[in-house]
Amino acid sequence: MEFTDAPVVLTPPPSRAGPLDTVSEYEEIESNFIHFYRSASISSALRDINSDEGMEHFTEVDVQDADMREA
């Protein structure tokens, strides 16, 4: 479907002297995302969970829960 029967002439925008304004990719990405900051307490808590002792604890709890569901 055509909107007009009149001929259309496409013309480029006027030229500019010098380089075009640009935004670095980093600046563009930074402005599009919210930043989340970790505190030292969260980092240490995660470190404790990821330690061997912490993982053994979670594994034992998971196994016990699975045994209880089967019973």
Protein backbone atom coordinates (compact mmCIF):
# COMPACT_ATOMS: atom_id res chain seq x y z
CA MET A 1 0.00 0.00 0.00
CA GLU A 2 1.43 3.36 -0.98
CA PHE A 3 0.88 6.45 1.15
CA THR A 4 1.40 8.94 -1.66
CA ASP A 5 1.57 9.03 -5.41
CA ALA A 6 4.05 11.93 -5.37
CA PRO A 7 7.67 11.15 -6.20
CA VAL A 8 10.04 11.01 -3.24
CA VAL A 9 13.59 12.31 -3.41
CA LEU A 10 15.98 11.06 -0.74
CA THR A 11 18.78 13.41 0.20
CA PRO A 12 21.60 12.79 2.66
CA PRO A 13 21.95 15.08 5.67
CA PRO A 14 24.35 18.00 5.32
CA SER A 15 27.99 17.06 5.78
CA ARG A 16 29.94 18.10 8.87
CA ALA A 17 33.54 19.09 9.14
CA GLY A 18 35.70 17.02 11.50
CA PRO A 19 35.08 13.74 13.32
CA LEU A 20 31.64 12.71 14.53
CA ASP A 21 30.84 12.66 18.23
CA THR A 22 31.27 9.16 19.62
CA VAL A 23 30.62 7.37 22.88
CA SER A 24 33.02 4.65 23.90
CA GLU A 25 31.52 1.19 24.26
CA TYR A 26 32.50 1.12 27.94
CA GLU A 27 30.64 4.37 28.69
CA GLU A 28 27.55 3.13 26.87
CA ILE A 29 27.54 -0.18 28.73
CA GLU A 30 28.16 1.51 32.09
CA SER A 31 25.14 3.78 31.66
CA ASN A 32 22.82 0.84 30.87
CA PHE A 33 23.47 -1.34 33.93
CA ILE A 34 22.88 -0.94 37.64
CA HIS A 35 25.96 -1.72 39.70
CA PHE A 36 25.88 -4.05 42.68
CA TYR A 37 28.59 -3.79 45.30
CA ARG A 38 29.63 -6.65 47.55
CA SER A 39 30.53 -5.94 51.14
CA ALA A 40 33.34 -7.76 52.93
CA SER A 41 30.81 -9.63 55.11
CA ILE A 42 29.08 -11.14 52.09
CA SER A 43 32.37 -12.13 50.53
CA SER A 44 33.54 -13.82 53.72
CA ALA A 45 30.21 -15.65 54.09
CA LEU A 46 30.52 -16.98 50.57
CA ARG A 47 34.10 -17.99 51.25
CA ASP A 48 32.95 -19.96 54.33
CA ILE A 49 30.25 -21.75 52.33
CA ASN A 50 32.73 -22.66 49.60
CA SER A 51 35.27 -24.06 52.06
CA ASP A 52 35.59 -27.85 52.36
CA GLU A 53 33.92 -27.88 55.77
CA GLY A 54 30.99 -25.80 54.53
CA MET A 55 30.44 -27.98 51.47
CA GLU A 56 30.53 -31.17 53.55
CA HIS A 57 27.88 -29.70 55.84
CA PHE A 58 25.57 -28.86 52.94
CA THR A 59 26.15 -32.24 51.32
CA GLU A 60 25.24 -34.08 54.54
CA VAL A 61 22.08 -32.00 54.97
CA ASP A 62 21.05 -32.62 51.36
CA VAL A 63 21.57 -36.39 51.77
CA GLN A 64 19.56 -36.43 55.01
CA ASP A 65 16.72 -34.50 53.35
CA ALA A 66 16.69 -36.93 50.43
CA ASP A 67 16.58 -39.92 52.82
CA MET A 68 13.67 -38.38 54.72
CA ARG A 69 11.68 -37.81 51.51
CA GLU A 70 12.12 -41.46 50.49
CA ALA A 71 10.90 -42.79 53.86
